[in-house]
C-alpha atoms as a PDB file:
ATOM      1  CA  MET A   1     197.173 142.521 107.284  1.00  0.00           C
ATOM      2  CA  LYS A   2     199.139 139.662 105.562  1.00  0.00           C
ATOM      3  CA  LYS A   3     202.352 140.880 107.476  1.00  0.00           C
ATOM      4  CA  ILE A   4     200.546 140.459 110.735  1.00  0.00           C
ATOM      5  CA  LEU A   5     199.362 137.128 109.899  1.00  0.00           C
ATOM      6  CA  ALA A   6     202.871 136.173 108.773  1.00  0.00           C
ATOM      7  CA  ALA A   7     204.238 137.272 111.907  1.00  0.00           C
ATOM      8  CA  ILE A   8     201.698 135.359 113.927  1.00  0.00           C
ATOM      9  CA  VAL A   9     202.400 132.318 111.952  1.00  0.00           C
ATOM     10  CA  PHE A  10     206.255 132.524 112.517  1.00  0.00           C
ATOM     11  CA  ALA A  11     205.557 132.954 116.089  1.00  0.00           C
ATOM     12  CA  LEU A  12     203.617 129.988 116.399  1.00  0.00           C
ATOM     13  CA  LEU A  13     206.045 128.025 114.353  1.00  0.00           C
ATOM     14  CA  SER A  14     208.905 128.922 116.842  1.00  0.00           C
ATOM     15  CA  VAL A  15     207.386 126.716 119.317  1.00  0.00           C
ATOM     16  CA  TYR A  16     208.479 123.648 117.157  1.00  0.00           C
ATOM     17  CA  VAL A  17     212.058 124.614 117.461  1.00  0.00           C
ATOM     18  CA  ASN A  18     212.096 123.062 120.741  1.00  0.00           C
ATOM     19  CA  ALA A  19     211.239 119.766 119.261  1.00  0.00           C
ATOM     20  CA  GLN A  20     214.887 119.410 118.506  1.00  0.00           C
ATOM     21  CA  THR A  21     215.908 118.786 122.024  1.00  0.00           C
ATOM     22  CA  SER A  22     215.605 115.276 123.493  1.00  0.00           C
ATOM     23  CA  ILE A  23     212.677 114.890 125.871  1.00  0.00           C
ATOM     24  CA  GLY A  24     214.655 113.279 128.710  1.00  0.00           C
ATOM     25  CA  THR A  25     217.219 116.004 129.007  1.00  0.00           C
ATOM     26  CA  GLN A  26     217.072 119.629 129.845  1.00  0.00           C
ATOM     27  CA  PRO A  27     219.625 122.190 130.307  1.00  0.00           C
ATOM     28  CA  VAL A  28     220.788 122.943 133.961  1.00  0.00           C
ATOM     29  CA  THR A  29     219.743 126.692 133.496  1.00  0.00           C
ATOM     30  CA  THR A  30     216.211 125.741 132.876  1.00  0.00           C
ATOM     31  CA  ASP A  31     216.025 123.800 136.092  1.00  0.00           C
ATOM     32  CA  LEU A  32     217.796 126.558 138.057  1.00  0.00           C
ATOM     33  CA  MET A  33     215.430 129.260 136.563  1.00  0.00           C
ATOM     34  CA  ARG A  34     212.413 127.054 137.413  1.00  0.00           C
ATOM     35  CA  SER A  35     213.558 126.285 140.939  1.00  0.00           C
ATOM     36  CA  ASP A  36     213.961 130.080 141.559  1.00  0.00           C
ATOM     37  CA  GLY A  37     210.858 131.320 139.858  1.00  0.00           C
ATOM     38  CA  LYS A  38     212.748 133.475 137.487  1.00  0.00           C
ATOM     39  CA  ILE A  39     211.421 131.703 134.386  1.00  0.00           C
ATOM     40  CA  LEU A  40     207.985 133.222 135.146  1.00  0.00           C
ATOM     41  CA  VAL A  41     209.578 136.699 134.946  1.00  0.00           C
ATOM     42  CA  VAL A  42     211.234 135.798 131.643  1.00  0.00           C
ATOM     43  CA  VAL A  43     208.065 134.668 130.216  1.00  0.00           C
ATOM     44  CA  ALA A  44     206.157 137.805 131.516  1.00  0.00           C
ATOM     45  CA  VAL A  45     208.751 140.123 129.929  1.00  0.00           C
ATOM     46  CA  ILE A  46     208.637 138.244 126.483  1.00  0.00           C
ATOM     47  CA  VAL A  47     204.830 138.352 126.639  1.00  0.00           C
ATOM     48  CA  ILE A  48     204.784 142.107 127.456  1.00  0.00           C
ATOM     49  CA  ILE A  49     207.324 142.926 124.604  1.00  0.00           C
ATOM     50  CA  MET A  50     205.512 140.815 122.071  1.00  0.00           C
ATOM     51  CA  THR A  51     202.148 142.471 123.034  1.00  0.00           C
ATOM     52  CA  GLY A  52     203.582 145.818 122.555  1.00  0.00           C
ATOM     53  CA  PHE A  53     205.145 144.860 119.363  1.00  0.00           C
ATOM     54  CA  PHE A  54     201.969 143.615 117.863  1.00  0.00           C
ATOM     55  CA  ILE A  55     199.929 146.616 119.041  1.00  0.00           C
ATOM     56  CA  TYR A  56     202.603 148.810 117.333  1.00  0.00           C
ATOM     57  CA  LEU A  57     202.254 146.844 114.158  1.00  0.00           C
ATOM     58  CA  ILE A  58     198.494 147.046 114.073  1.00  0.00           C
ATOM     59  CA  SER A  59     198.627 150.800 114.769  1.00  0.00           C
ATOM     60  CA  VAL A  60     201.086 151.437 111.937  1.00  0.00           C
ATOM     61  CA  ASP A  61     199.109 149.164 109.483  1.00  0.00           C
ATOM     62  CA  LYS A  62     196.033 151.350 110.305  1.00  0.00           C
ATOM     63  CA  LYS A  63     197.940 154.584 109.735  1.00  0.00           C
ATOM     64  CA  ILE A  64     199.387 153.319 106.437  1.00  0.00           C
ATOM     65  CA  THR A  65     195.912 152.176 105.225  1.00  0.00           C
ATOM     66  CA  LYS A  66     194.520 155.626 106.185  1.00  0.00           C
ATOM     67  CA  LEU A  67     197.296 157.313 104.163  1.00  0.00           C
ATOM     68  CA  GLU A  68     196.768 154.980 101.138  1.00  0.00           C
ATOM     69  CA  LYS A  69     193.049 155.680 101.067  1.00  0.00           C
ATOM     70  CA  GLU A  70     193.726 159.387 101.374  1.00  0.00           C
ATOM     71  CA  GLY A  71     196.204 159.290  98.485  1.00  0.00           C
ATOM     72  CA  LEU A  72     193.613 157.534  96.095  1.00  0.00           C
ATOM     73  CA  LYS A  73     191.229 160.286  96.395  1.00  0.00           C
END
């Protein structure tokens, strides 16, 4: 459970990485992707991958917990 919490914290902290760019300037690729609507596809793919990753982590955590409980008996 601590690992899952740590993963969530690191994912939320990654938002602050963008704070290093200046507010007035954005890369040309960002404007191009927004104008074409491709940025939504990129965001959707990232959300799907992260959701699958967290579901996988939770299922592995449950399996390990079950094995640990069986080992103690």
